[in-house]
């Protein structure tokens, strides 16, 4: 959800227009940000 909101498009669309590597980069950025927030549950 975090990646889709930041990109303004679905994961399917990210894969189609930007490729899997771009999606994985966005995913890593989201994980880094979310893991720093604390007091939370994260579904990867």
ModelCIF file with pLDDT and N, C-alpha, C, O atoms, coordinates in Angstrom:
data_MODEL
#
_entry.id   MODEL 
#
_entity.id                         1 
_entity.type                       polymer 
_entity.pdbx_number_of_molecules   1 
#
_entity_poly.entity_id                      1 
_entity_poly.type                           'polypeptide(L)' 
_entity_poly.nstd_linkage                   no 
_entity_poly.nstd_monomer                   no 
_entity_poly.pdbx_seq_one_letter_code       
;(UNK)(UNK)(UNK)(UNK)(UNK)(UNK)(UNK)(UNK)(UNK)(UNK)(UNK)(UNK)(UNK)(UNK)(UNK)(UNK)
(UNK)(UNK)(UNK)(UNK)(UNK)(UNK)(UNK)(UNK)(UNK)(UNK)(UNK)(UNK)(UNK)(UNK)(UNK)(UNK)
(UNK)(UNK)(UNK)(UNK)(UNK)(UNK)(UNK)(UNK)(UNK)(UNK)(UNK)(UNK)
;
_entity_poly.pdbx_seq_one_letter_code_can   XXXXXXXXXXXXXXXXXXXXXXXXXXXXXXXXXXXXXXXXXXXX 
_entity_poly.pdbx_strand_id                 A 
#
loop_
_entity_poly_seq.entity_id 
_entity_poly_seq.num 
_entity_poly_seq.mon_id 
_entity_poly_seq.hetero 
1 1  UNK n 
1 2  UNK n 
1 3  UNK n 
1 4  UNK n 
1 5  UNK n 
1 6  UNK n 
1 7  UNK n 
1 8  UNK n 
1 9  UNK n 
1 10 UNK n 
1 11 UNK n 
1 12 UNK n 
1 13 UNK n 
1 14 UNK n 
1 15 UNK n 
1 16 UNK n 
1 17 UNK n 
1 18 UNK n 
1 19 UNK n 
1 20 UNK n 
1 21 UNK n 
1 22 UNK n 
1 23 UNK n 
1 24 UNK n 
1 25 UNK n 
1 26 UNK n 
1 27 UNK n 
1 28 UNK n 
1 29 UNK n 
1 30 UNK n 
1 31 UNK n 
1 32 UNK n 
1 33 UNK n 
1 34 UNK n 
1 35 UNK n 
1 36 UNK n 
1 37 UNK n 
1 38 UNK n 
1 39 UNK n 
1 40 UNK n 
1 41 UNK n 
1 42 UNK n 
1 43 UNK n 
1 44 UNK n 
#
_struct_asym.id          A 
_struct_asym.entity_id   1 
#
loop_
_ma_qa_metric.id 
_ma_qa_metric.mode 
_ma_qa_metric.name 
_ma_qa_metric.software_group_id 
_ma_qa_metric.type 
1 global pLDDT . pLDDT 
2 local  pLDDT . pLDDT 
#
_ma_qa_metric_global.metric_id      1 
_ma_qa_metric_global.metric_value   94.18 
_ma_qa_metric_global.model_id       1 
_ma_qa_metric_global.ordinal_id     1 
#
loop_
_ma_qa_metric_local.label_asym_id 
_ma_qa_metric_local.label_comp_id 
_ma_qa_metric_local.label_seq_id 
_ma_qa_metric_local.metric_id 
_ma_qa_metric_local.metric_value 
_ma_qa_metric_local.model_id 
_ma_qa_metric_local.ordinal_id 
A UNK 1  2 94.00 1 1  
A UNK 2  2 96.00 1 2  
A UNK 3  2 96.00 1 3  
A UNK 4  2 94.00 1 4  
A UNK 5  2 95.00 1 5  
A UNK 6  2 95.00 1 6  
A UNK 7  2 95.00 1 7  
A UNK 8  2 95.00 1 8  
A UNK 9  2 94.00 1 9  
A UNK 10 2 91.00 1 10 
A UNK 11 2 90.00 1 11 
A UNK 12 2 87.00 1 12 
A UNK 13 2 91.00 1 13 
A UNK 14 2 93.00 1 14 
A UNK 15 2 89.00 1 15 
A UNK 16 2 90.00 1 16 
A UNK 17 2 95.00 1 17 
A UNK 18 2 95.00 1 18 
A UNK 19 2 92.00 1 19 
A UNK 20 2 90.00 1 20 
A UNK 21 2 94.00 1 21 
A UNK 22 2 95.00 1 22 
A UNK 23 2 94.00 1 23 
A UNK 24 2 95.00 1 24 
A UNK 25 2 97.00 1 25 
A UNK 26 2 97.00 1 26 
A UNK 27 2 96.00 1 27 
A UNK 28 2 97.00 1 28 
A UNK 29 2 97.00 1 29 
A UNK 30 2 97.00 1 30 
A UNK 31 2 97.00 1 31 
A UNK 32 2 96.00 1 32 
A UNK 33 2 95.00 1 33 
A UNK 34 2 96.00 1 34 
A UNK 35 2 94.00 1 35 
A UNK 36 2 93.00 1 36 
A UNK 37 2 91.00 1 37 
A UNK 38 2 86.00 1 38 
A UNK 39 2 93.00 1 39 
A UNK 40 2 97.00 1 40 
A UNK 41 2 98.00 1 41 
A UNK 42 2 98.00 1 42 
A UNK 43 2 97.00 1 43 
A UNK 44 2 97.00 1 44 
#
loop_
_atom_site.group_PDB 
_atom_site.id 
_atom_site.type_symbol 
_atom_site.label_atom_id 
_atom_site.label_alt_id 
_atom_site.label_comp_id 
_atom_site.label_asym_id 
_atom_site.label_entity_id 
_atom_site.label_seq_id 
_atom_site.pdbx_PDB_ins_code 
_atom_site.Cartn_x 
_atom_site.Cartn_y 
_atom_site.Cartn_z 
_atom_site.occupancy 
_atom_site.B_iso_or_equiv 
_atom_site.pdbx_formal_charge 
_atom_site.auth_seq_id 
_atom_site.auth_comp_id 
_atom_site.auth_asym_id 
_atom_site.auth_atom_id 
_atom_site.pdbx_PDB_model_num 
ATOM 1   N N  . UNK A 1 1  ? 0.832  -1.206 0.000   1.00 94.00 ? 1  UNK A N  1 
ATOM 2   C CA . UNK A 1 1  ? 0.000  0.000  0.000   1.00 94.00 ? 1  UNK A CA 1 
ATOM 3   C C  . UNK A 1 1  ? 0.867  1.258  0.000   1.00 94.00 ? 1  UNK A C  1 
ATOM 4   O O  . UNK A 1 1  ? 0.576  2.230  -0.696  1.00 94.00 ? 1  UNK A O  1 
ATOM 5   N N  . UNK A 1 2  ? 1.930  1.218  0.789   1.00 96.00 ? 2  UNK A N  1 
ATOM 6   C CA . UNK A 1 2  ? 2.836  2.362  0.893   1.00 96.00 ? 2  UNK A CA 1 
ATOM 7   C C  . UNK A 1 2  ? 3.490  2.651  -0.466  1.00 96.00 ? 2  UNK A C  1 
ATOM 8   O O  . UNK A 1 2  ? 3.562  3.805  -0.890  1.00 96.00 ? 2  UNK A O  1 
ATOM 9   N N  . UNK A 1 3  ? 3.961  1.610  -1.137  1.00 96.00 ? 3  UNK A N  1 
ATOM 10  C CA . UNK A 1 3  ? 4.607  1.770  -2.448  1.00 96.00 ? 3  UNK A CA 1 
ATOM 11  C C  . UNK A 1 3  ? 3.598  2.310  -3.464  1.00 96.00 ? 3  UNK A C  1 
ATOM 12  O O  . UNK A 1 3  ? 3.910  3.221  -4.232  1.00 96.00 ? 3  UNK A O  1 
ATOM 13  N N  . UNK A 1 4  ? 2.398  1.750  -3.465  1.00 94.00 ? 4  UNK A N  1 
ATOM 14  C CA . UNK A 1 4  ? 1.376  2.207  -4.416  1.00 94.00 ? 4  UNK A CA 1 
ATOM 15  C C  . UNK A 1 4  ? 1.005  3.670  -4.179  1.00 94.00 ? 4  UNK A C  1 
ATOM 16  O O  . UNK A 1 4  ? 0.853  4.433  -5.134  1.00 94.00 ? 4  UNK A O  1 
ATOM 17  N N  . UNK A 1 5  ? 0.859  4.061  -2.935  1.00 95.00 ? 5  UNK A N  1 
ATOM 18  C CA . UNK A 1 5  ? 0.503  5.449  -2.628  1.00 95.00 ? 5  UNK A CA 1 
ATOM 19  C C  . UNK A 1 5  ? 1.611  6.409  -3.074  1.00 95.00 ? 5  UNK A C  1 
ATOM 20  O O  . UNK A 1 5  ? 1.329  7.465  -3.640  1.00 95.00 ? 5  UNK A O  1 
ATOM 21  N N  . UNK A 1 6  ? 2.856  6.043  -2.821  1.00 95.00 ? 6  UNK A N  1 
ATOM 22  C CA . UNK A 1 6  ? 3.981  6.895  -3.206  1.00 95.00 ? 6  UNK A CA 1 
ATOM 23  C C  . UNK A 1 6  ? 4.113  7.000  -4.727  1.00 95.00 ? 6  UNK A C  1 
ATOM 24  O O  . UNK A 1 6  ? 4.455  8.059  -5.253  1.00 95.00 ? 6  UNK A O  1 
ATOM 25  N N  . UNK A 1 7  ? 3.839  5.894  -5.430  1.00 95.00 ? 7  UNK A N  1 
ATOM 26  C CA . UNK A 1 7  ? 3.975  5.874  -6.895  1.00 95.00 ? 7  UNK A CA 1 
ATOM 27  C C  . UNK A 1 7  ? 2.739  6.416  -7.605  1.00 95.00 ? 7  UNK A C  1 
ATOM 28  O O  . UNK A 1 7  ? 2.813  6.838  -8.759  1.00 95.00 ? 7  UNK A O  1 
ATOM 29  N N  . UNK A 1 8  ? 1.611  6.404  -6.915  1.00 95.00 ? 8  UNK A N  1 
ATOM 30  C CA . UNK A 1 8  ? 0.364  6.840  -7.534  1.00 95.00 ? 8  UNK A CA 1 
ATOM 31  C C  . UNK A 1 8  ? -0.164 5.845  -8.553  1.00 95.00 ? 8  UNK A C  1 
ATOM 32  O O  . UNK A 1 8  ? -0.923 6.206  -9.452  1.00 95.00 ? 8  UNK A O  1 
ATOM 33  N N  . UNK A 1 9  ? 0.243  4.589  -8.408  1.00 94.00 ? 9  UNK A N  1 
ATOM 34  C CA . UNK A 1 9  ? -0.245 3.540  -9.308  1.00 94.00 ? 9  UNK A CA 1 
ATOM 35  C C  . UNK A 1 9  ? -0.079 2.177  -8.646  1.00 94.00 ? 9  UNK A C  1 
ATOM 36  O O  . UNK A 1 9  ? 0.639  2.035  -7.657  1.00 94.00 ? 9  UNK A O  1 
ATOM 37  N N  . UNK A 1 10 ? -0.750 1.189  -9.204  1.00 91.00 ? 10 UNK A N  1 
ATOM 38  C CA . UNK A 1 10 ? -0.729 -0.160 -8.641  1.00 91.00 ? 10 UNK A CA 1 
ATOM 39  C C  . UNK A 1 10 ? 0.626  -0.829 -8.871  1.00 91.00 ? 10 UNK A C  1 
ATOM 40  O O  . UNK A 1 10 ? 1.417  -0.409 -9.716  1.00 91.00 ? 10 UNK A O  1 
ATOM 41  N N  . UNK A 1 11 ? 0.862  -1.872 -8.098  1.00 90.00 ? 11 UNK A N  1 
ATOM 42  C CA . UNK A 1 11 ? 2.084  -2.661 -8.284  1.00 90.00 ? 11 UNK A CA 1 
ATOM 43  C C  . UNK A 1 11 ? 2.121  -3.217 -9.700  1.00 90.00 ? 11 UNK A C  1 
ATOM 44  O O  . UNK A 1 11 ? 3.172  -3.215 -10.341 1.00 90.00 ? 11 UNK A O  1 
ATOM 45  N N  . UNK A 1 12 ? 0.992  -3.689 -10.187 1.00 87.00 ? 12 UNK A N  1 
ATOM 46  C CA . UNK A 1 12 ? 0.919  -4.201 -11.559 1.00 87.00 ? 12 UNK A CA 1 
ATOM 47  C C  . UNK A 1 12 ? 1.392  -3.136 -12.544 1.00 87.00 ? 12 UNK A C  1 
ATOM 48  O O  . UNK A 1 12 ? 2.155  -3.436 -13.461 1.00 87.00 ? 12 UNK A O  1 
ATOM 49  N N  . UNK A 1 13 ? 0.939  -1.883 -12.359 1.00 91.00 ? 13 UNK A N  1 
ATOM 50  C CA . UNK A 1 13 ? 1.333  -0.793 -13.254 1.00 91.00 ? 13 UNK A CA 1 
ATOM 51  C C  . UNK A 1 13 ? 2.807  -0.426 -13.088 1.00 91.00 ? 13 UNK A C  1 
ATOM 52  O O  . UNK A 1 13 ? 3.479  -0.091 -14.064 1.00 91.00 ? 13 UNK A O  1 
ATOM 53  N N  . UNK A 1 14 ? 3.303  -0.487 -11.863 1.00 93.00 ? 14 UNK A N  1 
ATOM 54  C CA . UNK A 1 14 ? 4.739  -0.223 -11.643 1.00 93.00 ? 14 UNK A CA 1 
ATOM 55  C C  . UNK A 1 14 ? 5.560  -1.256 -12.405 1.00 93.00 ? 14 UNK A C  1 
ATOM 56  O O  . UNK A 1 14 ? 6.514  -0.904 -13.098 1.00 93.00 ? 14 UNK A O  1 
ATOM 57  N N  . UNK A 1 15 ? 5.197  -2.522 -12.281 1.00 89.00 ? 15 UNK A N  1 
ATOM 58  C CA . UNK A 1 15 ? 5.911  -3.583 -12.999 1.00 89.00 ? 15 UNK A CA 1 
ATOM 59  C C  . UNK A 1 15 ? 5.844  -3.337 -14.510 1.00 89.00 ? 15 UNK A C  1 
ATOM 60  O O  . UNK A 1 15 ? 6.849  -3.475 -15.208 1.00 89.00 ? 15 UNK A O  1 
ATOM 61  N N  . UNK A 1 16 ? 4.658  -2.972 -15.011 1.00 90.00 ? 16 UNK A N  1 
ATOM 62  C CA . UNK A 1 16 ? 4.459  -2.805 -16.455 1.00 90.00 ? 16 UNK A CA 1 
ATOM 63  C C  . UNK A 1 16 ? 5.207  -1.597 -17.011 1.00 90.00 ? 16 UNK A C  1 
ATOM 64  O O  . UNK A 1 16 ? 5.771  -1.667 -18.103 1.00 90.00 ? 16 UNK A O  1 
ATOM 65  N N  . UNK A 1 17 ? 5.215  -0.493 -16.272 1.00 95.00 ? 17 UNK A N  1 
ATOM 66  C CA . UNK A 1 17 ? 5.812  0.734  -16.820 1.00 95.00 ? 17 UNK A CA 1 
ATOM 67  C C  . UNK A 1 17 ? 7.261  0.950  -16.402 1.00 95.00 ? 17 UNK A C  1 
ATOM 68  O O  . UNK A 1 17 ? 8.060  1.474  -17.178 1.00 95.00 ? 17 UNK A O  1 
ATOM 69  N N  . UNK A 1 18 ? 7.603  0.550  -15.183 1.00 95.00 ? 18 UNK A N  1 
ATOM 70  C CA . UNK A 1 18 ? 8.934  0.835  -14.661 1.00 95.00 ? 18 UNK A CA 1 
ATOM 71  C C  . UNK A 1 18 ? 9.801  -0.418 -14.517 1.00 95.00 ? 18 UNK A C  1 
ATOM 72  O O  . UNK A 1 18 ? 11.028 -0.319 -14.481 1.00 95.00 ? 18 UNK A O  1 
ATOM 73  N N  . UNK A 1 19 ? 9.179  -1.585 -14.436 1.00 92.00 ? 19 UNK A N  1 
ATOM 74  C CA . UNK A 1 19 ? 9.907  -2.836 -14.294 1.00 92.00 ? 19 UNK A CA 1 
ATOM 75  C C  . UNK A 1 19 ? 10.026 -3.297 -12.851 1.00 92.00 ? 19 UNK A C  1 
ATOM 76  O O  . UNK A 1 19 ? 9.815  -2.527 -11.914 1.00 92.00 ? 19 UNK A O  1 
ATOM 77  N N  . UNK A 1 20 ? 10.367 -4.566 -12.693 1.00 90.00 ? 20 UNK A N  1 
ATOM 78  C CA . UNK A 1 20 ? 10.472 -5.136 -11.355 1.00 90.00 ? 20 UNK A CA 1 
ATOM 79  C C  . UNK A 1 20 ? 11.580 -4.494 -10.542 1.00 90.00 ? 20 UNK A C  1 
ATOM 80  O O  . UNK A 1 20 ? 11.421 -4.293 -9.338  1.00 90.00 ? 20 UNK A O  1 
ATOM 81  N N  . UNK A 1 21 ? 12.698 -4.168 -11.174 1.00 94.00 ? 21 UNK A N  1 
ATOM 82  C CA . UNK A 1 21 ? 13.807 -3.563 -10.430 1.00 94.00 ? 21 UNK A CA 1 
ATOM 83  C C  . UNK A 1 21 ? 13.375 -2.249 -9.785  1.00 94.00 ? 21 UNK A C  1 
ATOM 84  O O  . UNK A 1 21 ? 13.713 -1.988 -8.631  1.00 94.00 ? 21 UNK A O  1 
ATOM 85  N N  . UNK A 1 22 ? 12.632 -1.420 -10.516 1.00 95.00 ? 22 UNK A N  1 
ATOM 86  C CA . UNK A 1 22 ? 12.143 -0.149 -9.961  1.00 95.00 ? 22 UNK A CA 1 
ATOM 87  C C  . UNK A 1 22 ? 11.185 -0.415 -8.799  1.00 95.00 ? 22 UNK A C  1 
ATOM 88  O O  . UNK A 1 22 ? 11.215 0.285  -7.787  1.00 95.00 ? 22 UNK A O  1 
ATOM 89  N N  . UNK A 1 23 ? 10.339 -1.430 -8.955  1.00 94.00 ? 23 UNK A N  1 
ATOM 90  C CA . UNK A 1 23 ? 9.445  -1.772 -7.855  1.00 94.00 ? 23 UNK A CA 1 
ATOM 91  C C  . UNK A 1 23 ? 10.244 -2.192 -6.630  1.00 94.00 ? 23 UNK A C  1 
ATOM 92  O O  . UNK A 1 23 ? 9.950  -1.743 -5.522  1.00 94.00 ? 23 UNK A O  1 
ATOM 93  N N  . UNK A 1 24 ? 11.246 -3.041 -6.807  1.00 95.00 ? 24 UNK A N  1 
ATOM 94  C CA . UNK A 1 24 ? 12.047 -3.524 -5.671  1.00 95.00 ? 24 UNK A CA 1 
ATOM 95  C C  . UNK A 1 24 ? 12.777 -2.364 -4.988  1.00 95.00 ? 24 UNK A C  1 
ATOM 96  O O  . UNK A 1 24 ? 12.934 -2.373 -3.767  1.00 95.00 ? 24 UNK A O  1 
ATOM 97  N N  . UNK A 1 25 ? 13.225 -1.368 -5.755  1.00 97.00 ? 25 UNK A N  1 
ATOM 98  C CA . UNK A 1 25 ? 13.848 -0.181 -5.166  1.00 97.00 ? 25 UNK A CA 1 
ATOM 99  C C  . UNK A 1 25 ? 12.844 0.559  -4.288  1.00 97.00 ? 25 UNK A C  1 
ATOM 100 O O  . UNK A 1 25 ? 13.153 0.933  -3.157  1.00 97.00 ? 25 UNK A O  1 
ATOM 101 N N  . UNK A 1 26 ? 11.636 0.768  -4.820  1.00 97.00 ? 26 UNK A N  1 
ATOM 102 C CA . UNK A 1 26 ? 10.590 1.454  -4.055  1.00 97.00 ? 26 UNK A CA 1 
ATOM 103 C C  . UNK A 1 26 ? 10.235 0.655  -2.797  1.00 97.00 ? 26 UNK A C  1 
ATOM 104 O O  . UNK A 1 26 ? 10.008 1.230  -1.732  1.00 97.00 ? 26 UNK A O  1 
ATOM 105 N N  . UNK A 1 27 ? 10.189 -0.662 -2.930  1.00 96.00 ? 27 UNK A N  1 
ATOM 106 C CA . UNK A 1 27 ? 9.877  -1.526 -1.799  1.00 96.00 ? 27 UNK A CA 1 
ATOM 107 C C  . UNK A 1 27 ? 10.936 -1.392 -0.705  1.00 96.00 ? 27 UNK A C  1 
ATOM 108 O O  . UNK A 1 27 ? 10.602 -1.303 0.477   1.00 96.00 ? 27 UNK A O  1 
ATOM 109 N N  . UNK A 1 28 ? 12.204 -1.377 -1.094  1.00 97.00 ? 28 UNK A N  1 
ATOM 110 C CA . UNK A 1 28 ? 13.291 -1.222 -0.119  1.00 97.00 ? 28 UNK A CA 1 
ATOM 111 C C  . UNK A 1 28 ? 13.206 0.124  0.584   1.00 97.00 ? 28 UNK A C  1 
ATOM 112 O O  . UNK A 1 28 ? 13.426 0.206  1.793   1.00 97.00 ? 28 UNK A O  1 
ATOM 113 N N  . UNK A 1 29 ? 12.889 1.178  -0.157  1.00 97.00 ? 29 UNK A N  1 
ATOM 114 C CA . UNK A 1 29 ? 12.735 2.500  0.441   1.00 97.00 ? 29 UNK A CA 1 
ATOM 115 C C  . UNK A 1 29 ? 11.583 2.504  1.452   1.00 97.00 ? 29 UNK A C  1 
ATOM 116 O O  . UNK A 1 29 ? 11.701 3.069  2.539   1.00 97.00 ? 29 UNK A O  1 
ATOM 117 N N  . UNK A 1 30 ? 10.471 1.865  1.078   1.00 97.00 ? 30 UNK A N  1 
ATOM 118 C CA . UNK A 1 30 ? 9.317  1.795  1.983   1.00 97.00 ? 30 UNK A CA 1 
ATOM 119 C C  . UNK A 1 30 ? 9.673  1.031  3.255   1.00 97.00 ? 30 UNK A C  1 
ATOM 120 O O  . UNK A 1 30 ? 9.319  1.460  4.353   1.00 97.00 ? 30 UNK A O  1 
ATOM 121 N N  . UNK A 1 31 ? 10.368 -0.093 3.115   1.00 97.00 ? 31 UNK A N  1 
ATOM 122 C CA . UNK A 1 31 ? 10.766 -0.876 4.283   1.00 97.00 ? 31 UNK A CA 1 
ATOM 123 C C  . UNK A 1 31 ? 11.659 -0.059 5.216   1.00 97.00 ? 31 UNK A C  1 
ATOM 124 O O  . UNK A 1 31 ? 11.472 -0.072 6.433   1.00 97.00 ? 31 UNK A O  1 
ATOM 125 N N  . UNK A 1 32 ? 12.619 0.644  4.643   1.00 96.00 ? 32 UNK A N  1 
ATOM 126 C CA . UNK A 1 32 ? 13.525 1.458  5.448   1.00 96.00 ? 32 UNK A CA 1 
ATOM 127 C C  . UNK A 1 32 ? 12.749 2.500  6.237   1.00 96.00 ? 32 UNK A C  1 
ATOM 128 O O  . UNK A 1 32 ? 12.980 2.686  7.432   1.00 96.00 ? 32 UNK A O  1 
ATOM 129 N N  . UNK A 1 33 ? 11.832 3.174  5.567   1.00 95.00 ? 33 UNK A N  1 
ATOM 130 C CA . UNK A 1 33 ? 11.031 4.199  6.236   1.00 95.00 ? 33 UNK A CA 1 
ATOM 131 C C  . UNK A 1 33 ? 10.133 3.608  7.320   1.00 95.00 ? 33 UNK A C  1 
ATOM 132 O O  . UNK A 1 33 ? 10.088 4.116  8.440   1.00 95.00 ? 33 UNK A O  1 
ATOM 133 N N  . UNK A 1 34 ? 9.424  2.541  6.987   1.00 96.00 ? 34 UNK A N  1 
ATOM 134 C CA . UNK A 1 34 ? 8.449  1.986  7.926   1.00 96.00 ? 34 UNK A CA 1 
ATOM 135 C C  . UNK A 1 34 ? 9.110  1.334  9.139   1.00 96.00 ? 34 UNK A C  1 
ATOM 136 O O  . UNK A 1 34 ? 8.590  1.426  10.251  1.00 96.00 ? 34 UNK A O  1 
ATOM 137 N N  . UNK A 1 35 ? 10.238 0.685  8.936   1.00 94.00 ? 35 UNK A N  1 
ATOM 138 C CA . UNK A 1 35 ? 10.913 0.022  10.057  1.00 94.00 ? 35 UNK A CA 1 
ATOM 139 C C  . UNK A 1 35 ? 11.428 1.024  11.084  1.00 94.00 ? 35 UNK A C  1 
ATOM 140 O O  . UNK A 1 35 ? 11.655 0.654  12.236  1.00 94.00 ? 35 UNK A O  1 
ATOM 141 N N  . UNK A 1 36 ? 11.615 2.273  10.698  1.00 93.00 ? 36 UNK A N  1 
ATOM 142 C CA . UNK A 1 36 ? 12.097 3.293  11.622  1.00 93.00 ? 36 UNK A CA 1 
ATOM 143 C C  . UNK A 1 36 ? 10.979 3.882  12.474  1.00 93.00 ? 36 UNK A C  1 
ATOM 144 O O  . UNK A 1 36 ? 11.258 4.574  13.453  1.00 93.00 ? 36 UNK A O  1 
ATOM 145 N N  . UNK A 1 37 ? 9.736  3.627  12.131  1.00 91.00 ? 37 UNK A N  1 
ATOM 146 C CA . UNK A 1 37 ? 8.621  4.275  12.825  1.00 91.00 ? 37 UNK A CA 1 
ATOM 147 C C  . UNK A 1 37 ? 8.370  3.722  14.219  1.00 91.00 ? 37 UNK A C  1 
ATOM 148 O O  . UNK A 1 37 ? 7.961  4.470  15.107  1.00 91.00 ? 37 UNK A O  1 
ATOM 149 N N  . UNK A 1 38 ? 8.600  2.446  14.433  1.00 86.00 ? 38 UNK A N  1 
ATOM 150 C CA . UNK A 1 38 ? 8.392  1.858  15.749  1.00 86.00 ? 38 UNK A CA 1 
ATOM 151 C C  . UNK A 1 38 ? 6.928  1.782  16.151  1.00 86.00 ? 38 UNK A C  1 
ATOM 152 O O  . UNK A 1 38 ? 6.071  2.445  15.567  1.00 86.00 ? 38 UNK A O  1 
ATOM 153 N N  . UNK A 1 39 ? 6.661  0.968  17.151  1.00 93.00 ? 39 UNK A N  1 
ATOM 154 C CA . UNK A 1 39 ? 5.319  0.723  17.674  1.00 93.00 ? 39 UNK A CA 1 
ATOM 155 C C  . UNK A 1 39 ? 4.332  0.487  16.537  1.00 93.00 ? 39 UNK A C  1 
ATOM 156 O O  . UNK A 1 39 ? 3.324  1.181  16.405  1.00 93.00 ? 39 UNK A O  1 
ATOM 157 N N  . UNK A 1 40 ? 4.651  -0.505 15.728  1.00 97.00 ? 40 UNK A N  1 
ATOM 158 C CA . UNK A 1 40 ? 3.810  -0.795 14.574  1.00 97.00 ? 40 UNK A CA 1 
ATOM 159 C C  . UNK A 1 40 ? 3.933  -2.249 14.148  1.00 97.00 ? 40 UNK A C  1 
ATOM 160 O O  . UNK A 1 40 ? 4.852  -2.967 14.544  1.00 97.00 ? 40 UNK A O  1 
ATOM 161 N N  . UNK A 1 41 ? 2.974  -2.654 13.326  1.00 98.00 ? 41 UNK A N  1 
ATOM 162 C CA . UNK A 1 41 ? 2.996  -3.953 12.659  1.00 98.00 ? 41 UNK A CA 1 
ATOM 163 C C  . UNK A 1 41 ? 3.156  -3.659 11.175  1.00 98.00 ? 41 UNK A C  1 
ATOM 164 O O  . UNK A 1 41 ? 2.448  -2.818 10.621  1.00 98.00 ? 41 UNK A O  1 
ATOM 165 N N  . UNK A 1 42 ? 4.087  -4.353 10.533  1.00 98.00 ? 42 UNK A N  1 
ATOM 166 C CA . UNK A 1 42 ? 4.359  -4.140 9.119   1.00 98.00 ? 42 UNK A CA 1 
ATOM 167 C C  . UNK A 1 42 ? 4.113  -5.438 8.359   1.00 98.00 ? 42 UNK A C  1 
ATOM 168 O O  . UNK A 1 42 ? 4.708  -6.472 8.664   1.00 98.00 ? 42 UNK A O  1 
ATOM 169 N N  . UNK A 1 43 ? 3.225  -5.369 7.361   1.00 97.00 ? 43 UNK A N  1 
ATOM 170 C CA . UNK A 1 43 ? 3.018  -6.484 6.436   1.00 97.00 ? 43 UNK A CA 1 
ATOM 171 C C  . UNK A 1 43 ? 3.856  -6.193 5.202   1.00 97.00 ? 43 UNK A C  1 
ATOM 172 O O  . UNK A 1 43 ? 3.635  -5.193 4.520   1.00 97.00 ? 43 UNK A O  1 
ATOM 173 N N  . UNK A 1 44 ? 4.807  -7.056 4.915   1.00 97.00 ? 44 UNK A N  1 
ATOM 174 C CA . UNK A 1 44 ? 5.691  -6.846 3.771   1.00 97.00 ? 44 UNK A CA 1 
ATOM 175 C C  . UNK A 1 44 ? 5.113  -7.493 2.518   1.00 97.00 ? 44 UNK A C  1 
ATOM 176 O O  . UNK A 1 44 ? 5.721  -7.420 1.450   1.00 97.00 ? 44 UNK A O  1 
#
